[in-house]
């Protein structure tokens, strides 16, 4: 399977689009990468992480998601895979981090 493009979406509208070259620069395959493997190609059973820095305006989207365009060698078809939309919180990051630390502290004492 080869990843051809990725879009970051906010409220189902594109926030950022990455072509194959951009995906290759930001994709990290977990585990062993085969010598003959393209940077955007995943072999059976492989996983990868794609690092993104997505700029947003002052008007944050209510949800974020992603769309991946890929193809499989020998199959004359392109696949589009839409990720699940995730709700975006309006809380400031420092408040979210503080709440996370408080909940971790409680679980350690229990």
PDB file of N, CA and C in Angstrom:
ATOM      1  N   UNK A   1       0.846  -1.151   0.000  1.00  0.00           N
ATOM      2  CA  UNK A   1       0.000   0.000   0.000  1.00  0.00           C
ATOM      3  C   UNK A   1       0.903   1.230   0.000  1.00  0.00           C
ATOM      4  N   UNK A   2       0.578   2.204  -0.834  1.00  0.00           N
ATOM      5  CA  UNK A   2       1.357   3.434  -0.932  1.00  0.00           C
ATOM      6  C   UNK A   2       0.451   4.622  -0.671  1.00  0.00           C
ATOM      7  N   UNK A   3       0.875   5.489   0.238  1.00  0.00           N
ATOM      8  CA  UNK A   3       0.108   6.694   0.558  1.00  0.00           C
ATOM      9  C   UNK A   3       0.457   7.759  -0.473  1.00  0.00           C
ATOM     10  N   UNK A   4      -0.567   8.274  -1.160  1.00  0.00           N
ATOM     11  CA  UNK A   4      -0.361   9.265  -2.212  1.00  0.00           C
ATOM     12  C   UNK A   4      -0.586  10.694  -1.729  1.00  0.00           C
ATOM     13  N   UNK A   5      -1.482  10.889  -0.763  1.00  0.00           N
ATOM     14  CA  UNK A   5      -1.785  12.232  -0.262  1.00  0.00           C
ATOM     15  C   UNK A   5      -2.553  12.114   1.052  1.00  0.00           C
ATOM     16  N   UNK A   6      -2.484  13.187   1.840  1.00  0.00           N
ATOM     17  CA  UNK A   6      -3.219  13.251   3.106  1.00  0.00           C
ATOM     18  C   UNK A   6      -3.770  14.671   3.247  1.00  0.00           C
ATOM     19  N   UNK A   7      -4.992  14.770   3.726  1.00  0.00           N
ATOM     20  CA  UNK A   7      -5.591  16.067   4.033  1.00  0.00           C
ATOM     21  C   UNK A   7      -5.966  16.107   5.502  1.00  0.00           C
ATOM     22  N   UNK A   8      -5.669  17.222   6.159  1.00  0.00           N
ATOM     23  CA  UNK A   8      -6.187  17.486   7.498  1.00  0.00           C
ATOM     24  C   UNK A   8      -7.448  18.317   7.292  1.00  0.00           C
ATOM     25  N   UNK A   9      -8.532  17.908   7.944  1.00  0.00           N
ATOM     26  CA  UNK A   9      -9.831  18.548   7.734  1.00  0.00           C
ATOM     27  C   UNK A   9     -10.337  19.173   9.029  1.00  0.00           C
ATOM     28  N   UNK A  10     -10.966  20.329   8.910  1.00  0.00           N
ATOM     29  CA  UNK A  10     -11.652  20.965  10.026  1.00  0.00           C
ATOM     30  C   UNK A  10     -13.090  21.193   9.618  1.00  0.00           C
ATOM     31  N   UNK A  11     -14.024  20.637  10.367  1.00  0.00           N
ATOM     32  CA  UNK A  11     -15.446  20.692   9.996  1.00  0.00           C
ATOM     33  C   UNK A  11     -15.644  20.224   8.556  1.00  0.00           C
ATOM     34  N   UNK A  12     -14.913  19.190   8.165  1.00  0.00           N
ATOM     35  CA  UNK A  12     -14.973  18.528   6.858  1.00  0.00           C
ATOM     36  C   UNK A  12     -14.393  19.376   5.720  1.00  0.00           C
ATOM     37  N   UNK A  13     -13.825  20.551   6.016  1.00  0.00           N
ATOM     38  CA  UNK A  13     -13.191  21.391   4.997  1.00  0.00           C
ATOM     39  C   UNK A  13     -11.668  21.272   5.133  1.00  0.00           C
ATOM     40  N   UNK A  14     -10.931  21.293   4.023  1.00  0.00           N
ATOM     41  CA  UNK A  14      -9.474  21.151   4.107  1.00  0.00           C
ATOM     42  C   UNK A  14      -8.801  22.268   4.907  1.00  0.00           C
ATOM     43  N   UNK A  15      -7.942  21.869   5.846  1.00  0.00           N
ATOM     44  CA  UNK A  15      -7.086  22.802   6.582  1.00  0.00           C
ATOM     45  C   UNK A  15      -5.675  22.763   6.020  1.00  0.00           C
ATOM     46  N   UNK A  16      -5.260  21.564   5.588  1.00  0.00           N
ATOM     47  CA  UNK A  16      -3.914  21.372   5.058  1.00  0.00           C
ATOM     48  C   UNK A  16      -3.926  20.158   4.135  1.00  0.00           C
ATOM     49  N   UNK A  17      -3.196  20.256   3.031  1.00  0.00           N
ATOM     50  CA  UNK A  17      -3.073  19.142   2.092  1.00  0.00           C
ATOM     51  C   UNK A  17      -1.605  18.804   1.916  1.00  0.00           C
ATOM     52  N   UNK A  18      -1.292  17.519   1.969  1.00  0.00           N
ATOM     53  CA  UNK A  18       0.079  17.052   1.759  1.00  0.00           C
ATOM     54  C   UNK A  18       0.110  16.149   0.537  1.00  0.00           C
ATOM     55  N   UNK A  19       0.986  16.476  -0.404  1.00  0.00           N
ATOM     56  CA  UNK A  19       1.179  15.612  -1.559  1.00  0.00           C
ATOM     57  C   UNK A  19       2.135  14.485  -1.168  1.00  0.00           C
ATOM     58  N   UNK A  20       2.442  13.611  -2.104  1.00  0.00           N
ATOM     59  CA  UNK A  20       3.265  12.439  -1.807  1.00  0.00           C
ATOM     60  C   UNK A  20       4.647  12.825  -1.273  1.00  0.00           C
ATOM     61  N   UNK A  21       5.257  13.875  -1.829  1.00  0.00           N
ATOM     62  CA  UNK A  21       6.577  14.305  -1.363  1.00  0.00           C
ATOM     63  C   UNK A  21       6.516  14.822   0.079  1.00  0.00           C
ATOM     64  N   UNK A  22       5.474  15.565   0.411  1.00  0.00           N
ATOM     65  CA  UNK A  22       5.310  16.067   1.785  1.00  0.00           C
ATOM     66  C   UNK A  22       5.050  14.929   2.760  1.00  0.00           C
ATOM     67  N   UNK A  23       4.248  13.962   2.326  1.00  0.00           N
ATOM     68  CA  UNK A  23       4.004  12.789   3.172  1.00  0.00           C
ATOM     69  C   UNK A  23       5.320  12.061   3.422  1.00  0.00           C
ATOM     70  N   UNK A  24       6.121  11.888   2.397  1.00  0.00           N
ATOM     71  CA  UNK A  24       7.407  11.174   2.535  1.00  0.00           C
ATOM     72  C   UNK A  24       8.324  11.856   3.547  1.00  0.00           C
ATOM     73  N   UNK A  25       8.330  13.196   3.578  1.00  0.00           N
ATOM     74  CA  UNK A  25       9.182  13.928   4.523  1.00  0.00           C
ATOM     75  C   UNK A  25       8.708  13.788   5.967  1.00  0.00           C
ATOM     76  N   UNK A  26       7.405  13.592   6.181  1.00  0.00           N
ATOM     77  CA  UNK A  26       6.833  13.616   7.531  1.00  0.00           C
ATOM     78  C   UNK A  26       6.373  12.260   8.059  1.00  0.00           C
ATOM     79  N   UNK A  27       6.491  11.214   7.270  1.00  0.00           N
ATOM     80  CA  UNK A  27       6.037   9.881   7.662  1.00  0.00           C
ATOM     81  C   UNK A  27       7.182   9.106   8.313  1.00  0.00           C
ATOM     82  N   UNK A  28       6.899   8.496   9.429  1.00  0.00           N
ATOM     83  CA  UNK A  28       7.878   7.651  10.114  1.00  0.00           C
ATOM     84  C   UNK A  28       7.310   6.252  10.249  1.00  0.00           C
ATOM     85  N   UNK A  29       7.961   5.295   9.607  1.00  0.00           N
ATOM     86  CA  UNK A  29       7.521   3.901   9.691  1.00  0.00           C
ATOM     87  C   UNK A  29       7.997   3.337  11.018  1.00  0.00           C
ATOM     88  N   UNK A  30       7.105   2.644  11.698  1.00  0.00           N
ATOM     89  CA  UNK A  30       7.428   2.031  12.985  1.00  0.00           C
ATOM     90  C   UNK A  30       8.013   0.658  12.712  1.00  0.00           C
ATOM     91  N   UNK A  31       9.174   0.386  13.285  1.00  0.00           N
ATOM     92  CA  UNK A  31       9.819  -0.908  13.084  1.00  0.00           C
ATOM     93  C   UNK A  31      10.766  -0.868  11.905  1.00  0.00           C
ATOM     94  N   UNK A  32      10.961  -2.001  11.292  1.00  0.00           N
ATOM     95  CA  UNK A  32      11.943  -2.162  10.214  1.00  0.00           C
ATOM     96  C   UNK A  32      11.368  -1.670   8.895  1.00  0.00           C
ATOM     97  N   UNK A  33      12.155  -0.864   8.194  1.00  0.00           N
ATOM     98  CA  UNK A  33      11.787  -0.435   6.848  1.00  0.00           C
ATOM     99  C   UNK A  33      12.667  -1.182   5.867  1.00  0.00           C
ATOM    100  N   UNK A  34      12.056  -1.817   4.881  1.00  0.00           N
ATOM    101  CA  UNK A  34      12.799  -2.585   3.894  1.00  0.00           C
ATOM    102  C   UNK A  34      13.617  -1.663   3.000  1.00  0.00           C
ATOM    103  N   UNK A  35      14.787  -2.097   2.586  1.00  0.00           N
ATOM    104  CA  UNK A  35      15.700  -1.273   1.788  1.00  0.00           C
ATOM    105  C   UNK A  35      15.052  -0.810   0.482  1.00  0.00           C
ATOM    106  N   UNK A  36      14.270  -1.671  -0.147  1.00  0.00           N
ATOM    107  CA  UNK A  36      13.671  -1.335  -1.439  1.00  0.00           C
ATOM    108  C   UNK A  36      12.323  -0.618  -1.305  1.00  0.00           C
ATOM    109  N   UNK A  37      11.931  -0.306  -0.099  1.00  0.00           N
ATOM    110  CA  UNK A  37      10.622   0.283   0.179  1.00  0.00           C
ATOM    111  C   UNK A  37      10.635   1.797  -0.055  1.00  0.00           C
ATOM    112  N   UNK A  38       9.629   2.289  -0.782  1.00  0.00           N
ATOM    113  CA  UNK A  38       9.452   3.737  -0.962  1.00  0.00           C
ATOM    114  C   UNK A  38       9.132   4.366   0.389  1.00  0.00           C
ATOM    115  N   UNK A  39       9.446   5.653   0.589  1.00  0.00           N
ATOM    116  CA  UNK A  39       9.165   6.299   1.880  1.00  0.00           C
ATOM    117  C   UNK A  39       7.681   6.363   2.232  1.00  0.00           C
ATOM    118  N   UNK A  40       6.801   6.296   1.246  1.00  0.00           N
ATOM    119  CA  UNK A  40       5.360   6.362   1.523  1.00  0.00           C
ATOM    120  C   UNK A  40       4.678   5.003   1.387  1.00  0.00           C
ATOM    121  N   UNK A  41       5.455   3.947   1.296  1.00  0.00           N
ATOM    122  CA  UNK A  41       4.915   2.603   1.112  1.00  0.00           C
ATOM    123  C   UNK A  41       4.910   1.855   2.444  1.00  0.00           C
ATOM    124  N   UNK A  42       3.795   1.187   2.724  1.00  0.00           N
ATOM    125  CA  UNK A  42       3.692   0.349   3.917  1.00  0.00           C
ATOM    126  C   UNK A  42       3.502  -1.090   3.483  1.00  0.00           C
ATOM    127  N   UNK A  43       4.351  -1.972   4.001  1.00  0.00           N
ATOM    128  CA  UNK A  43       4.218  -3.401   3.728  1.00  0.00           C
ATOM    129  C   UNK A  43       3.158  -3.987   4.652  1.00  0.00           C
ATOM    130  N   UNK A  44       2.755  -5.196   4.376  1.00  0.00           N
ATOM    131  CA  UNK A  44       1.743  -5.867   5.204  1.00  0.00           C
ATOM    132  C   UNK A  44       2.185  -5.877   6.664  1.00  0.00           C
ATOM    133  N   UNK A  45       1.304  -5.435   7.547  1.00  0.00           N
ATOM    134  CA  UNK A  45       1.575  -5.441   8.978  1.00  0.00           C
ATOM    135  C   UNK A  45       2.352  -4.242   9.492  1.00  0.00           C
ATOM    136  N   UNK A  46       2.834  -3.379   8.613  1.00  0.00           N
ATOM    137  CA  UNK A  46       3.581  -2.208   9.067  1.00  0.00           C
ATOM    138  C   UNK A  46       2.634  -1.107   9.516  1.00  0.00           C
ATOM    139  N   UNK A  47       3.148  -0.275  10.424  1.00  0.00           N
ATOM    140  CA  UNK A  47       2.422   0.909  10.880  1.00  0.00           C
ATOM    141  C   UNK A  47       3.330   2.105  10.697  1.00  0.00           C
ATOM    142  N   UNK A  48       2.710   3.276  10.657  1.00  0.00           N
ATOM    143  CA  UNK A  48       3.490   4.503  10.511  1.00  0.00           C
ATOM    144  C   UNK A  48       2.786   5.635  11.248  1.00  0.00           C
ATOM    145  N   UNK A  49       3.552   6.672  11.543  1.00  0.00           N
ATOM    146  CA  UNK A  49       3.030   7.896  12.141  1.00  0.00           C
ATOM    147  C   UNK A  49       3.345   9.019  11.170  1.00  0.00           C
ATOM    148  N   UNK A  50       2.338   9.850  10.891  1.00  0.00           N
ATOM    149  CA  UNK A  50       2.527  11.023  10.036  1.00  0.00           C
ATOM    150  C   UNK A  50       2.464  12.253  10.929  1.00  0.00           C
ATOM    151  N   UNK A  51       3.551  12.998  10.972  1.00  0.00           N
ATOM    152  CA  UNK A  51       3.624  14.204  11.799  1.00  0.00           C
ATOM    153  C   UNK A  51       3.126  15.404  11.003  1.00  0.00           C
ATOM    154  N   UNK A  52       2.178  16.151  11.594  1.00  0.00           N
ATOM    155  CA  UNK A  52       1.613  17.332  10.947  1.00  0.00           C
ATOM    156  C   UNK A  52       1.639  18.515  11.903  1.00  0.00           C
ATOM    157  N   UNK A  53       1.844  19.687  11.375  1.00  0.00           N
ATOM    158  CA  UNK A  53       1.653  20.926  12.109  1.00  0.00           C
ATOM    159  C   UNK A  53       0.634  21.690  11.284  1.00  0.00           C
ATOM    160  N   UNK A  54      -0.611  21.708  11.778  1.00  0.00           N
ATOM    161  CA  UNK A  54      -1.713  22.261  11.001  1.00  0.00           C
ATOM    162  C   UNK A  54      -2.071  23.651  11.530  1.00  0.00           C
ATOM    163  N   UNK A  55      -1.860  24.685  10.713  1.00  0.00           N
ATOM    164  CA  UNK A  55      -2.246  26.029  11.155  1.00  0.00           C
ATOM    165  C   UNK A  55      -3.767  26.188  11.124  1.00  0.00           C
ATOM    166  N   UNK A  56      -4.291  26.856  12.123  1.00  0.00           N
ATOM    167  CA  UNK A  56      -5.732  27.153  12.159  1.00  0.00           C
ATOM    168  C   UNK A  56      -5.906  28.641  12.450  1.00  0.00           C
ATOM    169  N   UNK A  57      -7.036  29.157  12.058  1.00  0.00           N
ATOM    170  CA  UNK A  57      -7.325  30.567  12.298  1.00  0.00           C
ATOM    171  C   UNK A  57      -7.852  30.737  13.724  1.00  0.00           C
ATOM    172  N   UNK A  58      -8.201  31.959  14.066  1.00  0.00           N
ATOM    173  CA  UNK A  58      -8.754  32.241  15.394  1.00  0.00           C
ATOM    174  C   UNK A  58     -10.083  31.514  15.589  1.00  0.00           C
ATOM    175  N   UNK A  59     -10.777  31.231  14.497  1.00  0.00           N
ATOM    176  CA  UNK A  59     -12.045  30.498  14.568  1.00  0.00           C
ATOM    177  C   UNK A  59     -11.747  29.007  14.476  1.00  0.00           C
ATOM    178  N   UNK A  60     -11.570  28.369  15.624  1.00  0.00           N
ATOM    179  CA  UNK A  60     -11.254  26.943  15.633  1.00  0.00           C
ATOM    180  C   UNK A  60     -12.399  26.123  15.062  1.00  0.00           C
ATOM    181  N   UNK A  61     -12.078  25.066  14.322  1.00  0.00           N
ATOM    182  CA  UNK A  61     -13.157  24.180  13.850  1.00  0.00           C
ATOM    183  C   UNK A  61     -13.764  23.428  15.027  1.00  0.00           C
ATOM    184  N   UNK A  62     -15.008  23.019  14.887  1.00  0.00           N
ATOM    185  CA  UNK A  62     -15.667  22.224  15.941  1.00  0.00           C
ATOM    186  C   UNK A  62     -15.133  20.803  15.957  1.00  0.00           C
ATOM    187  N   UNK A  63     -14.725  20.301  14.771  1.00  0.00           N
ATOM    188  CA  UNK A  63     -14.178  18.944  14.678  1.00  0.00           C
ATOM    189  C   UNK A  63     -12.964  18.952  13.755  1.00  0.00           C
ATOM    190  N   UNK A  64     -12.069  17.968  13.965  1.00  0.00           N
ATOM    191  CA  UNK A  64     -10.956  17.747  13.055  1.00  0.00           C
ATOM    192  C   UNK A  64     -10.962  16.276  12.633  1.00  0.00           C
ATOM    193  N   UNK A  65     -10.450  16.017  11.467  1.00  0.00           N
ATOM    194  CA  UNK A  65     -10.331  14.640  10.971  1.00  0.00           C
ATOM    195  C   UNK A  65      -9.268  14.634   9.880  1.00  0.00           C
ATOM    196  N   UNK A  66      -9.156  13.530   9.189  1.00  0.00           N
ATOM    197  CA  UNK A  66      -8.179  13.423   8.112  1.00  0.00           C
ATOM    198  C   UNK A  66      -8.726  12.539   6.999  1.00  0.00           C
ATOM    199  N   UNK A  67      -8.123  12.701   5.831  1.00  0.00           N
ATOM    200  CA  UNK A  67      -8.464  11.884   4.659  1.00  0.00           C
ATOM    201  C   UNK A  67      -7.162  11.418   4.039  1.00  0.00           C
ATOM    202  N   UNK A  68      -7.077  10.126   3.763  1.00  0.00           N
ATOM    203  CA  UNK A  68      -5.871   9.537   3.169  1.00  0.00           C
ATOM    204  C   UNK A  68      -6.221   8.990   1.788  1.00  0.00           C
ATOM    205  N   UNK A  69      -5.418   9.342   0.794  1.00  0.00           N
ATOM    206  CA  UNK A  69      -5.568   8.777  -0.550  1.00  0.00           C
ATOM    207  C   UNK A  69      -4.417   7.809  -0.755  1.00  0.00           C
ATOM    208  N   UNK A  70      -4.727   6.561  -1.125  1.00  0.00           N
ATOM    209  CA  UNK A  70      -3.692   5.542  -1.286  1.00  0.00           C
ATOM    210  C   UNK A  70      -4.028   4.609  -2.427  1.00  0.00           C
ATOM    211  N   UNK A  71      -3.031   3.853  -2.804  1.00  0.00           N
ATOM    212  CA  UNK A  71      -3.251   2.805  -3.813  1.00  0.00           C
ATOM    213  C   UNK A  71      -2.480   1.556  -3.397  1.00  0.00           C
ATOM    214  N   UNK A  72      -2.910   0.450  -3.956  1.00  0.00           N
ATOM    215  CA  UNK A  72      -2.285  -0.847  -3.696  1.00  0.00           C
ATOM    216  C   UNK A  72      -1.699  -1.345  -5.015  1.00  0.00           C
ATOM    217  N   UNK A  73      -0.454  -1.758  -4.971  1.00  0.00           N
ATOM    218  CA  UNK A  73       0.221  -2.223  -6.190  1.00  0.00           C
ATOM    219  C   UNK A  73      -0.585  -3.329  -6.858  1.00  0.00           C
ATOM    220  N   UNK A  74      -0.765  -3.198  -8.163  1.00  0.00           N
ATOM    221  CA  UNK A  74      -1.478  -4.214  -8.934  1.00  0.00           C
ATOM    222  C   UNK A  74      -2.989  -4.050  -8.936  1.00  0.00           C
ATOM    223  N   UNK A  75      -3.507  -3.087  -8.189  1.00  0.00           N
ATOM    224  CA  UNK A  75      -4.960  -2.848  -8.145  1.00  0.00           C
ATOM    225  C   UNK A  75      -5.231  -1.525  -8.864  1.00  0.00           C
ATOM    226  N   UNK A  76      -6.004  -1.551  -9.949  1.00  0.00           N
ATOM    227  CA  UNK A  76      -6.225  -0.336 -10.741  1.00  0.00           C
ATOM    228  C   UNK A  76      -7.291   0.575 -10.115  1.00  0.00           C
ATOM    229  N   UNK A  77      -7.037   1.015  -8.898  1.00  0.00           N
ATOM    230  CA  UNK A  77      -8.025   1.819  -8.188  1.00  0.00           C
ATOM    231  C   UNK A  77      -7.305   2.657  -7.136  1.00  0.00           C
ATOM    232  N   UNK A  78      -7.824   3.851  -6.857  1.00  0.00           N
ATOM    233  CA  UNK A  78      -7.338   4.700  -5.775  1.00  0.00           C
ATOM    234  C   UNK A  78      -8.363   4.640  -4.655  1.00  0.00           C
ATOM    235  N   UNK A  79      -7.899   4.547  -3.435  1.00  0.00           N
ATOM    236  CA  UNK A  79      -8.777   4.478  -2.266  1.00  0.00           C
ATOM    237  C   UNK A  79      -8.718   5.791  -1.495  1.00  0.00           C
ATOM    238  N   UNK A  80      -9.873   6.265  -1.032  1.00  0.00           N
ATOM    239  CA  UNK A  80      -9.964   7.416  -0.135  1.00  0.00           C
ATOM    240  C   UNK A  80     -10.488   6.909   1.195  1.00  0.00           C
ATOM    241  N   UNK A  81      -9.752   7.175   2.257  1.00  0.00           N
ATOM    242  CA  UNK A  81     -10.151   6.725   3.587  1.00  0.00           C
ATOM    243  C   UNK A  81     -10.338   7.953   4.463  1.00  0.00           C
ATOM    244  N   UNK A  82     -11.543   8.126   4.987  1.00  0.00           N
ATOM    245  CA  UNK A  82     -11.845   9.249   5.868  1.00  0.00           C
ATOM    246  C   UNK A  82     -11.732   8.804   7.317  1.00  0.00           C
ATOM    247  N   UNK A  83     -10.951   9.548   8.102  1.00  0.00           N
ATOM    248  CA  UNK A  83     -10.826   9.265   9.523  1.00  0.00           C
ATOM    249  C   UNK A  83     -12.042   9.772  10.295  1.00  0.00           C
ATOM    250  N   UNK A  84     -12.206   9.273  11.496  1.00  0.00           N
ATOM    251  CA  UNK A  84     -13.304   9.687  12.366  1.00  0.00           C
ATOM    252  C   UNK A  84     -13.107  11.134  12.810  1.00  0.00           C
ATOM    253  N   UNK A  85     -14.169  11.931  12.782  1.00  0.00           N
ATOM    254  CA  UNK A  85     -14.096  13.313  13.255  1.00  0.00           C
ATOM    255  C   UNK A  85     -13.982  13.325  14.777  1.00  0.00           C
ATOM    256  N   UNK A  86     -13.103  14.183  15.282  1.00  0.00           N
ATOM    257  CA  UNK A  86     -12.850  14.323  16.711  1.00  0.00           C
ATOM    258  C   UNK A  86     -13.249  15.730  17.130  1.00  0.00           C
ATOM    259  N   UNK A  87     -13.955  15.859  18.246  1.00  0.00           N
ATOM    260  CA  UNK A  87     -14.368  17.173  18.741  1.00  0.00           C
ATOM    261  C   UNK A  87     -13.152  17.968  19.215  1.00  0.00           C
ATOM    262  N   UNK A  88     -13.156  19.255  18.926  1.00  0.00           N
ATOM    263  CA  UNK A  88     -12.093  20.162  19.352  1.00  0.00           C
ATOM    264  C   UNK A  88     -12.580  20.894  20.600  1.00  0.00           C
ATOM    265  N   UNK A  89     -11.760  20.879  21.649  1.00  0.00           N
ATOM    266  CA  UNK A  89     -12.129  21.578  22.876  1.00  0.00           C
ATOM    267  C   UNK A  89     -11.779  23.053  22.749  1.00  0.00           C
ATOM    268  N   UNK A  90     -12.534  23.894  23.390  1.00  0.00           N
ATOM    269  CA  UNK A  90     -12.283  25.332  23.390  1.00  0.00           C
ATOM    270  C   UNK A  90     -11.474  25.762  24.606  1.00  0.00           C
ATOM    271  N   UNK A  91     -11.135  24.803  25.485  1.00  0.00           N
ATOM    272  CA  UNK A  91     -10.348  25.140  26.677  1.00  0.00           C
ATOM    273  C   UNK A  91      -8.927  25.481  26.291  1.00  0.00           C
ATOM    274  N   UNK A  92      -8.322  26.443  26.980  1.00  0.00           N
ATOM    275  CA  UNK A  92      -6.910  26.744  26.707  1.00  0.00           C
ATOM    276  C   UNK A  92      -6.033  25.533  27.002  1.00  0.00           C
ATOM    277  N   UNK A  93      -4.934  25.399  26.272  1.00  0.00           N
ATOM    278  CA  UNK A  93      -4.049  24.243  26.431  1.00  0.00           C
ATOM    279  C   UNK A  93      -3.533  24.112  27.850  1.00  0.00           C
ATOM    280  N   UNK A  94      -3.204  25.224  28.518  1.00  0.00           N
ATOM    281  CA  UNK A  94      -2.662  25.127  29.876  1.00  0.00           C
ATOM    282  C   UNK A  94      -3.714  24.582  30.838  1.00  0.00           C
ATOM    283  N   UNK A  95      -4.987  24.909  30.637  1.00  0.00           N
ATOM    284  CA  UNK A  95      -6.040  24.376  31.498  1.00  0.00           C
ATOM    285  C   UNK A  95      -6.216  22.881  31.254  1.00  0.00           C
ATOM    286  N   UNK A  96      -6.139  22.470  30.005  1.00  0.00           N
ATOM    287  CA  UNK A  96      -6.271  21.046  29.686  1.00  0.00           C
ATOM    288  C   UNK A  96      -5.101  20.264  30.279  1.00  0.00           C
ATOM    289  N   UNK A  97      -3.887  20.810  30.200  1.00  0.00           N
ATOM    290  CA  UNK A  97      -2.715  20.126  30.750  1.00  0.00           C
ATOM    291  C   UNK A  97      -2.816  20.019  32.268  1.00  0.00           C
ATOM    292  N   UNK A  98      -3.277  21.083  32.927  1.00  0.00           N
ATOM    293  CA  UNK A  98      -3.423  21.058  34.388  1.00  0.00           C
ATOM    294  C   UNK A  98      -4.455  20.016  34.805  1.00  0.00           C
ATOM    295  N   UNK A  99      -5.558  19.940  34.078  1.00  0.00           N
ATOM    296  CA  UNK A  99      -6.590  18.943  34.393  1.00  0.00           C
ATOM    297  C   UNK A  99      -6.036  17.539  34.217  1.00  0.00           C
ATOM    298  N   UNK A 100      -5.207  17.336  33.194  1.00  0.00           N
ATOM    299  CA  UNK A 100      -4.604  16.031  32.950  1.00  0.00           C
ATOM    300  C   UNK A 100      -3.668  15.649  34.097  1.00  0.00           C
ATOM    301  N   UNK A 101      -2.867  16.597  34.565  1.00  0.00           N
ATOM    302  CA  UNK A 101      -1.946  16.309  35.671  1.00  0.00           C
ATOM    303  C   UNK A 101      -2.716  15.967  36.947  1.00  0.00           C
ATOM    304  N   UNK A 102      -3.819  16.674  37.202  1.00  0.00           N
ATOM    305  CA  UNK A 102      -4.614  16.383  38.405  1.00  0.00           C
ATOM    306  C   UNK A 102      -5.186  14.974  38.349  1.00  0.00           C
ATOM    307  N   UNK A 103      -5.694  14.554  37.177  1.00  0.00           N
ATOM    308  CA  UNK A 103      -6.292  13.221  37.078  1.00  0.00           C
ATOM    309  C   UNK A 103      -5.230  12.137  37.195  1.00  0.00           C
ATOM    310  N   UNK A 104      -4.026  12.380  36.685  1.00  0.00           N
ATOM    311  CA  UNK A 104      -2.938  11.411  36.812  1.00  0.00           C
ATOM    312  C   UNK A 104      -2.536  11.270  38.259  1.00  0.00           C
ATOM    313  N   UNK A 105      -2.441  12.408  38.966  1.00  0.00           N
ATOM    314  CA  UNK A 105      -2.088  12.376  40.390  1.00  0.00           C
ATOM    315  C   UNK A 105      -3.077  11.581  41.211  1.00  0.00           C
ATOM    316  N   UNK A 106      -4.358  11.697  40.894  1.00  0.00           N
ATOM    317  CA  UNK A 106      -5.375  10.946  41.619  1.00  0.00           C
ATOM    318  C   UNK A 106      -5.251   9.452  41.371  1.00  0.00           C
ATOM    319  N   UNK A 107      -4.964   9.071  40.121  1.00  0.00           N
ATOM    320  CA  UNK A 107      -4.893   7.630  39.819  1.00  0.00           C
ATOM    321  C   UNK A 107      -3.701   6.965  40.500  1.00  0.00           C
ATOM    322  N   UNK A 108      -2.625   7.730  40.730  1.00  0.00           N
ATOM    323  CA  UNK A 108      -1.452   7.153  41.396  1.00  0.00           C
ATOM    324  C   UNK A 108      -1.725   6.881  42.866  1.00  0.00           C
ATOM    325  N   UNK A 109      -2.569   7.712  43.499  1.00  0.00           N
ATOM    326  CA  UNK A 109      -2.862   7.539  44.924  1.00  0.00           C
ATOM    327  C   UNK A 109      -3.870   6.423  45.177  1.00  0.00           C
ATOM    328  N   UNK A 110      -4.645   6.079  44.212  1.00  0.00           N
ATOM    329  CA  UNK A 110      -5.707   5.091  44.419  1.00  0.00           C
ATOM    330  C   UNK A 110      -5.181   3.698  44.578  1.00  0.00           C
TER     331      UNK A 110
END
